[in-house]
Structures are given as structure tokens and as C-alpha cells.
Amino acid sequence: MEKMRLIVILTIIIIGCCLFPRGVSAQSSSENILSSQGSIIYPESPTPTPTPSPTPTPTPSPTPTPTPSPTPTPTPSPTPTPTPSPTPTPTPSPINLAVIPDDWSLTYGGGPQIIHLDYSVTHNGQVAIRLDPHVDGVDVNTARECDGTWYTVKPGDHIVAKCWIRTDSAAYQGSYPEYCGARIGVDLYAPKGDGTIRPVDSYPHDGQEHIDSMVNWGTTVWTQKTWDFTIPTTVYTKSTSGEPITATQVTHIVMWIQALPTTFVGKAWFADAELYINP
């Protein structure tokens, strides 16, 4: 009987060695195989080695879109400043263009005239032009004036007009005596567009210039009046009377002498007149 138990134990040991791997102690094996009641205990299933979670493939950081360097704006080559052509200096006119009587029109329309050369009244020995009163219904010189010669000019031209003036002793008793007497002036003309020219401006202008231009009635001593100005660059579209003209600039001038009021009984004399263009 004892022999049988021994055989059984050996058999169990041999089977245990076959079932369990090496490295498991005999004590552990016997404890696993036999319970305290001697029953056979099957070994526990080995704890499975956990399947490692796959290392996640790292999501590649997106390659940053490079900020493009701005294309530099090319510095433009400076446009060379053109060398201006020198403005030609207007030809000076040292010659007096208002010599009495050569450069003046001593007739105004047809019929009786109120414009006269007076050799009995002179200035520095020079003959004078005398303006008598206008008589309605007799003479046609309703403006009571005498005109010089028309001359061609252009904007920017320098104009100088002068004349010595005196009146007789008759004193004007009417209204606004400061506006009355004898004077000189220059009219500016521009083409109308039909082959003719029209007045577009005048010196003196109204107001104080008009007053300053006058040698008043009763002035018996010779007094010189002067106009010194530059032809304007203005583009005119109508005449001084309001008549439409082709837009243009001044092209002509004429110097004149006058006495106001036109019918006043006094007489006026003008001598040593002068006119220069770009003197």
C-alpha cells in the first residue's frame, strides 16, 4: 500500500514537471497541483502579456507656410528735370510809339471835328492836341476822345504810357467833379473770332483808378499822368460791352486821350505823349 502511494506521488511529480515550465519551485508546483484535501488543482492560466498599445504615429506638425518676403518696390529712377528753354526776352521798344501828331488819329468819323493840333499851347516846345466840347447833332465824336495807333502785344508785355495834360480855367460845377476833367488811358483788345477785335479791358478801371487818372477842370498847369502795367494772361470770353467772343487773350492795345463830361464847355490839351512796349 505504501508502495502504491509512492508510485502515485512519483507519477504526479513527473506529470507536473511536464505541465509546468522550469523555474517553478517544487513547493509551488505541489501547492498548485494538490489541494489540502489532495484534490488535483489545475494551474491558473498565465496572465496574458498585454498587447502594447501601438505608439500613435505622431501627426506631423504642418510645415508652416512661409510668409513671403514682400517684393521690394523698385525705387523709380527719377525723371530728369527738363532744362527749361529760356523765355525769350521781349524785344525792348525804346522808341516812343505815341509821338504827337505822327502816332495819333486826328479825325474821328466824318463831318466837323473836335480834335485839333494847337501850336499856340505847347509843352517844352512840343505841339499839343486840343479836345473841344462835343456838340450833339454836330460832330459824331460822342466819346470826346482821340486815339493813338493800334499795336500788337502779348500777355506779359510791359506797357508804359505817359502824357502831359492841362485844362482851361473853366471850373466844373456839376456832380462828382473828381470824375471830371482830362485823362489818358489804354484799351486792351482781343479777337472776336470773326477776323475783328473787341475791347476786353482798359486802364484806368472804374473807381479810384478813374479818379487818379484825372486832371480836373480848372487845372491850368501842365500835369503828367502815367500808366505802367503788364498785359494780363487772362482768357477773355466777352468784350467790355458784354458781347461774346472766342475765348482768347489780349493781342492789341491802343492809347487814347479824353475829356469828360463830353459836352462840358472847357477845353483840354495833351502834349509830350509817350508809349513804350517792354521799355
C-alpha atoms as a PDB file:
ATOM      1  CA  MET A   1       0.000   0.000   0.000  1.00  0.00           C
ATOM      2  CA  GLU A   2       2.816   2.262   0.850  1.00  0.00           C
ATOM      3  CA  LYS A   3       4.448   1.337  -2.358  1.00  0.00           C
ATOM      4  CA  MET A   4       1.352   2.309  -4.328  1.00  0.00           C
ATOM      5  CA  ARG A   5       1.212   5.719  -2.735  1.00  0.00           C
ATOM      6  CA  LEU A   6       4.814   6.276  -3.636  1.00  0.00           C
ATOM      7  CA  ILE A   7       4.204   5.297  -7.212  1.00  0.00           C
ATOM      8  CA  VAL A   8       1.230   7.693  -7.408  1.00  0.00           C
ATOM      9  CA  ILE A   9       3.244  10.560  -5.951  1.00  0.00           C
ATOM     10  CA  LEU A  10       6.113   9.966  -8.404  1.00  0.00           C
ATOM     11  CA  THR A  11       3.672   9.823 -11.264  1.00  0.00           C
ATOM     12  CA  ILE A  12       2.133  13.115 -10.189  1.00  0.00           C
ATOM     13  CA  ILE A  13       5.591  14.720  -9.901  1.00  0.00           C
ATOM     14  CA  ILE A  14       6.539  13.537 -13.399  1.00  0.00           C
ATOM     15  CA  ILE A  15       3.282  14.885 -14.827  1.00  0.00           C
ATOM     16  CA  GLY A  16       3.834  18.202 -13.007  1.00  0.00           C
ATOM     17  CA  CYS A  17       7.278  18.517 -14.485  1.00  0.00           C
ATOM     18  CA  CYS A  18       5.779  18.105 -17.922  1.00  0.00           C
ATOM     19  CA  LEU A  19       2.986  20.585 -17.328  1.00  0.00           C
ATOM     20  CA  PHE A  20       4.929  23.475 -15.713  1.00  0.00           C
ATOM     21  CA  PRO A  21       7.939  25.207 -17.079  1.00  0.00           C
ATOM     22  CA  ARG A  22      11.243  25.281 -15.479  1.00  0.00           C
ATOM     23  CA  GLY A  23      11.929  27.743 -12.796  1.00  0.00           C
ATOM     24  CA  VAL A  24       8.692  26.966 -10.870  1.00  0.00           C
ATOM     25  CA  SER A  25       9.648  25.615  -7.458  1.00  0.00           C
ATOM     26  CA  ALA A  26       8.568  22.159  -6.421  1.00  0.00           C
ATOM     27  CA  GLN A  27       6.798  23.587  -3.479  1.00  0.00           C
ATOM     28  CA  SER A  28       4.828  25.936  -5.670  1.00  0.00           C
ATOM     29  CA  SER A  29       4.053  23.116  -8.078  1.00  0.00           C
ATOM     30  CA  SER A  30       2.877  20.778  -5.438  1.00  0.00           C
ATOM     31  CA  GLU A  31       0.813  23.558  -3.921  1.00  0.00           C
ATOM     32  CA  ASN A  32      -0.739  24.262  -7.299  1.00  0.00           C
ATOM     33  CA  ILE A  33      -1.427  20.611  -8.062  1.00  0.00           C
ATOM     34  CA  LEU A  34      -2.645  19.303  -4.742  1.00  0.00           C
ATOM     35  CA  SER A  35      -5.171  20.968  -2.504  1.00  0.00           C
ATOM     36  CA  SER A  36      -5.215  20.399   1.207  1.00  0.00           C
ATOM     37  CA  GLN A  37      -7.690  17.589   0.537  1.00  0.00           C
ATOM     38  CA  GLY A  38      -5.333  16.029  -2.007  1.00  0.00           C
ATOM     39  CA  SER A  39      -7.524  17.021  -4.996  1.00  0.00           C
ATOM     40  CA  ILE A  40      -5.840  17.979  -8.266  1.00  0.00           C
ATOM     41  CA  ILE A  41      -5.794  21.765  -8.823  1.00  0.00           C
ATOM     42  CA  TYR A  42      -5.226  22.806 -12.393  1.00  0.00           C
ATOM     43  CA  PRO A  43      -2.843  25.640 -12.693  1.00  0.00           C
ATOM     44  CA  GLU A  44      -4.194  29.083 -13.445  1.00  0.00           C
ATOM     45  CA  SER A  45      -3.906  30.327 -16.973  1.00  0.00           C
ATOM     46  CA  PRO A  46      -0.905  32.548 -17.131  1.00  0.00           C
ATOM     47  CA  THR A  47      -1.711  36.258 -17.148  1.00  0.00           C
ATOM     48  CA  PRO A  48      -1.505  37.228 -20.794  1.00  0.00           C
ATOM     49  CA  THR A  49       1.106  39.720 -21.622  1.00  0.00           C
ATOM     50  CA  PRO A  50      -0.868  42.822 -22.513  1.00  0.00           C
ATOM     51  CA  THR A  51      -0.587  43.765 -26.121  1.00  0.00           C
ATOM     52  CA  PRO A  52       1.143  47.063 -26.017  1.00  0.00           C
ATOM     53  CA  SER A  53      -0.907  49.912 -27.427  1.00  0.00           C
ATOM     54  CA  PRO A  54       0.692  50.892 -30.655  1.00  0.00           C
ATOM     55  CA  THR A  55       2.641  54.052 -30.357  1.00  0.00           C
ATOM     56  CA  PRO A  56       0.449  56.502 -32.181  1.00  0.00           C
ATOM     57  CA  THR A  57       2.031  57.841 -35.296  1.00  0.00           C
ATOM     58  CA  PRO A  58       2.660  61.424 -34.418  1.00  0.00           C
ATOM     59  CA  THR A  59       0.667  63.782 -36.520  1.00  0.00           C
ATOM     60  CA  PRO A  60       3.311  65.817 -38.209  1.00  0.00           C
ATOM     61  CA  SER A  61       3.126  69.446 -37.436  1.00  0.00           C
ATOM     62  CA  PRO A  62       2.133  71.173 -40.652  1.00  0.00           C
ATOM     63  CA  THR A  63       5.011  72.827 -42.250  1.00  0.00           C
ATOM     64  CA  PRO A  64       4.264  76.497 -41.738  1.00  0.00           C
ATOM     65  CA  THR A  65       3.605  78.316 -44.908  1.00  0.00           C
ATOM     66  CA  PRO A  66       6.488  80.695 -45.119  1.00  0.00           C
ATOM     67  CA  THR A  67       5.457  84.332 -45.112  1.00  0.00           C
ATOM     68  CA  PRO A  68       6.700  85.582 -48.404  1.00  0.00           C
ATOM     69  CA  SER A  69       9.059  88.452 -48.144  1.00  0.00           C
ATOM     70  CA  PRO A  70       7.405  91.340 -49.925  1.00  0.00           C
ATOM     71  CA  THR A  71       8.904  92.030 -53.268  1.00  0.00           C
ATOM     72  CA  PRO A  72      10.617  95.327 -52.743  1.00  0.00           C
ATOM     73  CA  THR A  73       9.095  98.110 -54.743  1.00  0.00           C
ATOM     74  CA  PRO A  74      11.799  99.220 -57.074  1.00  0.00           C
ATOM     75  CA  THR A  75      12.868 102.752 -56.494  1.00  0.00           C
ATOM     76  CA  PRO A  76      11.930 104.535 -59.700  1.00  0.00           C
ATOM     77  CA  SER A  77      14.671 106.309 -61.434  1.00  0.00           C
ATOM     78  CA  PRO A  78      13.892 109.984 -61.016  1.00  0.00           C
ATOM     79  CA  THR A  79      12.591 111.622 -64.143  1.00  0.00           C
ATOM     80  CA  PRO A  80      15.224 114.112 -65.036  1.00  0.00           C
ATOM     81  CA  THR A  81      14.005 117.664 -64.651  1.00  0.00           C
ATOM     82  CA  PRO A  82      13.971 119.095 -68.121  1.00  0.00           C
ATOM     83  CA  THR A  83      16.101 122.117 -68.564  1.00  0.00           C
ATOM     84  CA  PRO A  84      13.596 124.837 -69.373  1.00  0.00           C
ATOM     85  CA  SER A  85      14.173 126.734 -72.515  1.00  0.00           C
ATOM     86  CA  PRO A  86      14.783 130.322 -71.551  1.00  0.00           C
ATOM     87  CA  THR A  87      11.801 132.530 -72.193  1.00  0.00           C
ATOM     88  CA  PRO A  88      12.915 134.915 -74.859  1.00  0.00           C
ATOM     89  CA  THR A  89      13.211 138.404 -73.541  1.00  0.00           C
ATOM     90  CA  PRO A  90      10.660 140.574 -75.334  1.00  0.00           C
ATOM     91  CA  THR A  91      12.322 142.973 -77.691  1.00  0.00           C
ATOM     92  CA  PRO A  92      12.501 146.310 -75.888  1.00  0.00           C
ATOM     93  CA  SER A  93      10.811 149.257 -77.535  1.00  0.00           C
ATOM     94  CA  PRO A  94      12.949 152.281 -76.724  1.00  0.00           C
ATOM     95  CA  ILE A  95      11.165 154.152 -79.479  1.00  0.00           C
ATOM     96  CA  ASN A  96       8.271 156.338 -78.402  1.00  0.00           C
ATOM     97  CA  LEU A  97       5.132 154.916 -80.041  1.00  0.00           C
ATOM     98  CA  ALA A  98       2.897 157.911 -79.203  1.00  0.00           C
ATOM     99  CA  VAL A  99       4.593 160.883 -80.820  1.00  0.00           C
ATOM    100  CA  ILE A 100       2.217 163.785 -81.479  1.00  0.00           C
ATOM    101  CA  PRO A 101       0.999 164.148 -84.188  1.00  0.00           C
ATOM    102  CA  ASP A 102       2.524 161.214 -86.091  1.00  0.00           C
ATOM    103  CA  ASP A 103       1.100 158.373 -83.987  1.00  0.00           C
ATOM    104  CA  TRP A 104      -2.390 159.808 -83.476  1.00  0.00           C
ATOM    105  CA  SER A 105      -5.595 159.797 -85.477  1.00  0.00           C
ATOM    106  CA  LEU A 106      -6.691 163.422 -85.642  1.00  0.00           C
ATOM    107  CA  THR A 107     -10.057 162.683 -87.212  1.00  0.00           C
ATOM    108  CA  TYR A 108     -12.994 160.883 -85.641  1.00  0.00           C
ATOM    109  CA  GLY A 109     -15.603 159.918 -88.201  1.00  0.00           C
ATOM    110  CA  GLY A 110     -16.820 162.329 -90.826  1.00  0.00           C
ATOM    111  CA  GLY A 111     -18.066 165.881 -90.530  1.00  0.00           C
ATOM    112  CA  PRO A 112     -16.915 168.585 -88.112  1.00  0.00           C
ATOM    113  CA  GLN A 113     -14.023 167.627 -85.824  1.00  0.00           C
ATOM    114  CA  ILE A 114     -13.360 168.454 -82.189  1.00  0.00           C
ATOM    115  CA  ILE A 115      -9.728 167.185 -82.348  1.00  0.00           C
ATOM    116  CA  HIS A 116      -7.179 169.902 -83.215  1.00  0.00           C
ATOM    117  CA  LEU A 117      -3.422 170.461 -83.223  1.00  0.00           C
ATOM    118  CA  ASP A 118      -2.785 173.625 -81.191  1.00  0.00           C
ATOM    119  CA  TYR A 119       0.566 175.270 -81.818  1.00  0.00           C
ATOM    120  CA  SER A 120      -0.294 178.155 -79.520  1.00  0.00           C
ATOM    121  CA  VAL A 121      -0.299 175.931 -76.430  1.00  0.00           C
ATOM    122  CA  THR A 122       2.826 173.823 -76.139  1.00  0.00           C
ATOM    123  CA  HIS A 123       4.815 171.866 -73.588  1.00  0.00           C
ATOM    124  CA  ASN A 124       8.605 172.082 -73.838  1.00  0.00           C
ATOM    125  CA  GLY A 125       8.055 173.470 -77.305  1.00  0.00           C
ATOM    126  CA  GLN A 126       6.023 170.438 -78.387  1.00  0.00           C
ATOM    127  CA  VAL A 127       2.704 170.869 -80.142  1.00  0.00           C
ATOM    128  CA  ALA A 128      -0.411 169.846 -78.204  1.00  0.00           C
ATOM    129  CA  ILE A 129      -3.624 168.096 -79.176  1.00  0.00           C
ATOM    130  CA  ARG A 130      -6.687 170.083 -78.069  1.00  0.00           C
ATOM    131  CA  LEU A 131     -10.065 168.474 -77.402  1.00  0.00           C
ATOM    132  CA  ASP A 132     -13.036 170.824 -77.773  1.00  0.00           C
ATOM    133  CA  PRO A 133     -16.521 170.034 -76.380  1.00  0.00           C
ATOM    134  CA  HIS A 134     -18.733 167.549 -78.217  1.00  0.00           C
ATOM    135  CA  VAL A 135     -21.856 169.137 -79.670  1.00  0.00           C
ATOM    136  CA  ASP A 136     -24.829 166.834 -80.082  1.00  0.00           C
ATOM    137  CA  GLY A 137     -26.108 166.801 -83.634  1.00  0.00           C
ATOM    138  CA  VAL A 138     -22.967 168.463 -84.973  1.00  0.00           C
ATOM    139  CA  ASP A 139     -19.993 166.120 -84.536  1.00  0.00           C
ATOM    140  CA  VAL A 140     -20.021 162.357 -84.177  1.00  0.00           C
ATOM    141  CA  ASN A 141     -17.274 162.184 -81.537  1.00  0.00           C
ATOM    142  CA  THR A 142     -19.666 161.438 -78.702  1.00  0.00           C
ATOM    143  CA  ALA A 143     -16.808 159.995 -76.581  1.00  0.00           C
ATOM    144  CA  ARG A 144     -14.799 163.261 -76.877  1.00  0.00           C
ATOM    145  CA  GLU A 145     -11.569 161.345 -77.392  1.00  0.00           C
ATOM    146  CA  CYS A 146      -8.596 160.941 -79.699  1.00  0.00           C
ATOM    147  CA  ASP A 147      -6.989 157.547 -80.369  1.00  0.00           C
ATOM    148  CA  GLY A 148      -3.394 156.599 -80.971  1.00  0.00           C
ATOM    149  CA  THR A 149      -2.113 153.753 -83.129  1.00  0.00           C
ATOM    150  CA  TRP A 150      -3.034 150.089 -82.538  1.00  0.00           C
ATOM    151  CA  TYR A 151      -0.067 147.889 -81.571  1.00  0.00           C
ATOM    152  CA  THR A 152       0.325 144.115 -81.319  1.00  0.00           C
ATOM    153  CA  VAL A 153       1.153 142.772 -77.849  1.00  0.00           C
ATOM    154  CA  LYS A 154       1.063 139.516 -75.910  1.00  0.00           C
ATOM    155  CA  PRO A 155       0.455 138.529 -72.278  1.00  0.00           C
ATOM    156  CA  GLY A 156       3.376 139.515 -70.085  1.00  0.00           C
ATOM    157  CA  ASP A 157       4.391 142.560 -72.115  1.00  0.00           C
ATOM    158  CA  HIS A 158       5.263 145.621 -70.026  1.00  0.00           C
ATOM    159  CA  ILE A 159       3.384 148.763 -71.044  1.00  0.00           C
ATOM    160  CA  VAL A 160       4.240 152.338 -70.075  1.00  0.00           C
ATOM    161  CA  ALA A 161       2.003 155.213 -71.252  1.00  0.00           C
ATOM    162  CA  LYS A 162       2.556 158.875 -70.323  1.00  0.00           C
ATOM    163  CA  CYS A 163       1.234 162.291 -71.233  1.00  0.00           C
ATOM    164  CA  TRP A 164       1.311 165.881 -70.004  1.00  0.00           C
ATOM    165  CA  ILE A 165      -2.178 167.376 -69.553  1.00  0.00           C
ATOM    166  CA  ARG A 166      -3.726 170.756 -68.720  1.00  0.00           C
ATOM    167  CA  THR A 167      -7.211 172.301 -68.930  1.00  0.00           C
ATOM    168  CA  ASP A 168      -8.524 175.821 -69.209  1.00  0.00           C
ATOM    169  CA  SER A 169      -9.701 177.790 -66.219  1.00  0.00           C
ATOM    170  CA  ALA A 170     -13.357 176.835 -66.506  1.00  0.00           C
ATOM    171  CA  ALA A 171     -14.393 175.092 -63.303  1.00  0.00           C
ATOM    172  CA  TYR A 172     -16.839 172.235 -63.465  1.00  0.00           C
ATOM    173  CA  GLN A 173     -19.899 172.896 -61.289  1.00  0.00           C
ATOM    174  CA  GLY A 174     -21.743 169.628 -61.777  1.00  0.00           C
ATOM    175  CA  SER A 175     -21.909 166.469 -59.673  1.00  0.00           C
ATOM    176  CA  TYR A 176     -18.845 164.346 -58.958  1.00  0.00           C
ATOM    177  CA  PRO A 177     -16.219 166.840 -60.114  1.00  0.00           C
ATOM    178  CA  GLU A 178     -13.478 164.401 -59.115  1.00  0.00           C
ATOM    179  CA  TYR A 179     -14.555 162.198 -62.022  1.00  0.00           C
ATOM    180  CA  CYS A 180     -14.391 165.086 -64.479  1.00  0.00           C
ATOM    181  CA  GLY A 181     -11.529 166.611 -66.442  1.00  0.00           C
ATOM    182  CA  ALA A 182      -8.937 165.305 -68.915  1.00  0.00           C
ATOM    183  CA  ARG A 183      -7.141 161.932 -68.824  1.00  0.00           C
ATOM    184  CA  ILE A 184      -5.210 159.273 -70.735  1.00  0.00           C
ATOM    185  CA  GLY A 185      -5.857 155.547 -70.945  1.00  0.00           C
ATOM    186  CA  VAL A 186      -5.016 152.303 -72.745  1.00  0.00           C
ATOM    187  CA  ASP A 187      -7.577 149.876 -74.165  1.00  0.00           C
ATOM    188  CA  LEU A 188      -6.797 146.153 -74.469  1.00  0.00           C
ATOM    189  CA  TYR A 189      -8.231 144.211 -77.425  1.00  0.00           C
ATOM    190  CA  ALA A 190      -8.730 140.513 -78.227  1.00  0.00           C
ATOM    191  CA  PRO A 191     -10.010 138.700 -81.343  1.00  0.00           C
ATOM    192  CA  LYS A 192     -13.739 138.167 -81.512  1.00  0.00           C
ATOM    193  CA  GLY A 193     -13.342 135.086 -83.705  1.00  0.00           C
ATOM    194  CA  ASP A 194     -14.662 136.579 -86.923  1.00  0.00           C
ATOM    195  CA  GLY A 195     -11.499 138.385 -88.003  1.00  0.00           C
ATOM    196  CA  THR A 196     -12.236 141.501 -85.942  1.00  0.00           C
ATOM    197  CA  ILE A 197     -11.043 142.582 -82.493  1.00  0.00           C
ATOM    198  CA  ARG A 198     -13.026 143.815 -79.495  1.00  0.00           C
ATOM    199  CA  PRO A 199     -12.066 145.763 -76.328  1.00  0.00           C
ATOM    200  CA  VAL A 200     -11.846 143.382 -73.360  1.00  0.00           C
ATOM    201  CA  ASP A 201     -10.154 145.522 -70.699  1.00  0.00           C
ATOM    202  CA  SER A 202      -8.961 149.059 -70.097  1.00  0.00           C
ATOM    203  CA  TYR A 203      -6.694 151.206 -67.936  1.00  0.00           C
ATOM    204  CA  PRO A 204      -7.870 153.001 -65.903  1.00  0.00           C
ATOM    205  CA  HIS A 205     -10.540 150.791 -64.400  1.00  0.00           C
ATOM    206  CA  ASP A 206     -13.543 152.310 -62.668  1.00  0.00           C
ATOM    207  CA  GLY A 207     -13.496 153.742 -59.162  1.00  0.00           C
ATOM    208  CA  GLN A 208     -10.298 155.103 -57.644  1.00  0.00           C
ATOM    209  CA  GLU A 209      -8.245 154.431 -60.780  1.00  0.00           C
ATOM    210  CA  HIS A 210     -10.657 156.633 -62.714  1.00  0.00           C
ATOM    211  CA  ILE A 211     -10.283 159.431 -60.155  1.00  0.00           C
ATOM    212  CA  ASP A 212      -6.483 159.093 -60.058  1.00  0.00           C
ATOM    213  CA  SER A 213      -6.281 159.307 -63.852  1.00  0.00           C
ATOM    214  CA  MET A 214      -7.985 162.709 -63.996  1.00  0.00           C
ATOM    215  CA  VAL A 215      -6.521 166.181 -64.370  1.00  0.00           C
ATOM    216  CA  ASN A 216      -9.583 168.035 -63.144  1.00  0.00           C
ATOM    217  CA  TRP A 217     -11.142 171.043 -64.813  1.00  0.00           C
ATOM    218  CA  GLY A 218      -9.553 174.345 -63.817  1.00  0.00           C
ATOM    219  CA  THR A 219      -6.016 172.855 -63.744  1.00  0.00           C
ATOM    220  CA  THR A 220      -4.053 175.325 -65.874  1.00  0.00           C
ATOM    221  CA  VAL A 221      -0.585 173.947 -65.157  1.00  0.00           C
ATOM    222  CA  TRP A 222       0.854 171.006 -67.072  1.00  0.00           C
ATOM    223  CA  THR A 223       0.425 167.767 -65.118  1.00  0.00           C
ATOM    224  CA  GLN A 224       1.830 164.406 -66.179  1.00  0.00           C
ATOM    225  CA  LYS A 225      -0.187 161.196 -65.879  1.00  0.00           C
ATOM    226  CA  THR A 226       1.312 157.719 -66.304  1.00  0.00           C
ATOM    227  CA  TRP A 227       0.028 154.167 -66.716  1.00  0.00           C
ATOM    228  CA  ASP A 228       2.523 151.383 -66.052  1.00  0.00           C
ATOM    229  CA  PHE A 229       1.197 147.821 -66.221  1.00  0.00           C
ATOM    230  CA  THR A 230       1.698 144.314 -67.645  1.00  0.00           C
ATOM    231  CA  ILE A 231      -0.575 142.722 -70.246  1.00  0.00           C
ATOM    232  CA  PRO A 232      -2.597 140.138 -68.256  1.00  0.00           C
ATOM    233  CA  THR A 233      -2.699 136.408 -69.015  1.00  0.00           C
ATOM    234  CA  THR A 234      -6.487 136.389 -68.616  1.00  0.00           C
ATOM    235  CA  VAL A 235      -8.532 134.428 -71.163  1.00  0.00           C
ATOM    236  CA  TYR A 236     -11.486 136.600 -72.137  1.00  0.00           C
ATOM    237  CA  THR A 237     -14.851 135.282 -73.355  1.00  0.00           C
ATOM    238  CA  LYS A 238     -16.702 138.584 -73.735  1.00  0.00           C
ATOM    239  CA  SER A 239     -15.953 142.186 -74.587  1.00  0.00           C
ATOM    240  CA  THR A 240     -16.258 145.142 -72.226  1.00  0.00           C
ATOM    241  CA  SER A 241     -19.784 145.653 -73.569  1.00  0.00           C
ATOM    242  CA  GLY A 242     -20.732 142.032 -72.798  1.00  0.00           C
ATOM    243  CA  GLU A 243     -20.544 140.791 -76.386  1.00  0.00           C
ATOM    244  CA  PRO A 244     -19.500 137.101 -76.568  1.00  0.00           C
ATOM    245  CA  ILE A 245     -16.112 136.466 -78.176  1.00  0.00           C
ATOM    246  CA  THR A 246     -13.950 133.416 -78.802  1.00  0.00           C
ATOM    247  CA  ALA A 247     -12.022 132.609 -75.617  1.00  0.00           C
ATOM    248  CA  THR A 248      -8.686 134.293 -76.132  1.00  0.00           C
ATOM    249  CA  GLN A 249      -6.065 136.585 -74.651  1.00  0.00           C
ATOM    250  CA  VAL A 250      -5.118 140.180 -75.366  1.00  0.00           C
ATOM    251  CA  THR A 251      -3.448 140.718 -78.732  1.00  0.00           C
ATOM    252  CA  HIS A 252      -3.627 144.502 -79.295  1.00  0.00           C
ATOM    253  CA  ILE A 253      -3.578 147.788 -77.403  1.00  0.00           C
ATOM    254  CA  VAL A 254      -4.358 151.414 -78.234  1.00  0.00           C
ATOM    255  CA  MET A 255      -3.565 154.529 -76.199  1.00  0.00           C
ATOM    256  CA  TRP A 256      -6.164 157.286 -76.011  1.00  0.00           C
ATOM    257  CA  ILE A 257      -6.799 160.758 -74.592  1.00  0.00           C
ATOM    258  CA  GLN A 258     -10.216 162.038 -73.424  1.00  0.00           C
ATOM    259  CA  ALA A 259     -12.132 164.873 -71.753  1.00  0.00           C
ATOM    260  CA  LEU A 260     -15.249 164.420 -69.558  1.00  0.00           C
ATOM    261  CA  PRO A 261     -18.092 165.347 -69.457  1.00  0.00           C
ATOM    262  CA  THR A 262     -18.185 165.222 -73.201  1.00  0.00           C
ATOM    263  CA  THR A 263     -20.304 168.364 -73.578  1.00  0.00           C
ATOM    264  CA  PHE A 264     -18.646 170.497 -70.870  1.00  0.00           C
ATOM    265  CA  VAL A 265     -17.544 173.847 -72.281  1.00  0.00           C
ATOM    266  CA  GLY A 266     -13.947 173.632 -71.061  1.00  0.00           C
ATOM    267  CA  LYS A 267     -11.042 172.682 -73.331  1.00  0.00           C
ATOM    268  CA  ALA A 268      -8.216 170.242 -72.639  1.00  0.00           C
ATOM    269  CA  TRP A 269      -4.672 169.958 -74.030  1.00  0.00           C
ATOM    270  CA  PHE A 270      -2.347 166.960 -74.283  1.00  0.00           C
ATOM    271  CA  ALA A 271       1.384 167.139 -75.111  1.00  0.00           C
ATOM    272  CA  ASP A 272       4.577 165.047 -74.976  1.00  0.00           C
ATOM    273  CA  ALA A 273       2.684 161.762 -75.095  1.00  0.00           C
ATOM    274  CA  GLU A 274       4.763 158.596 -74.744  1.00  0.00           C
ATOM    275  CA  LEU A 275       4.059 154.876 -75.204  1.00  0.00           C
ATOM    276  CA  TYR A 276       6.584 152.044 -74.738  1.00  0.00           C
ATOM    277  CA  ILE A 277       6.237 148.277 -75.010  1.00  0.00           C
ATOM    278  CA  ASN A 278       8.818 146.478 -72.863  1.00  0.00           C
ATOM    279  CA  PRO A 279      10.935 149.602 -72.336  1.00  0.00           C
END
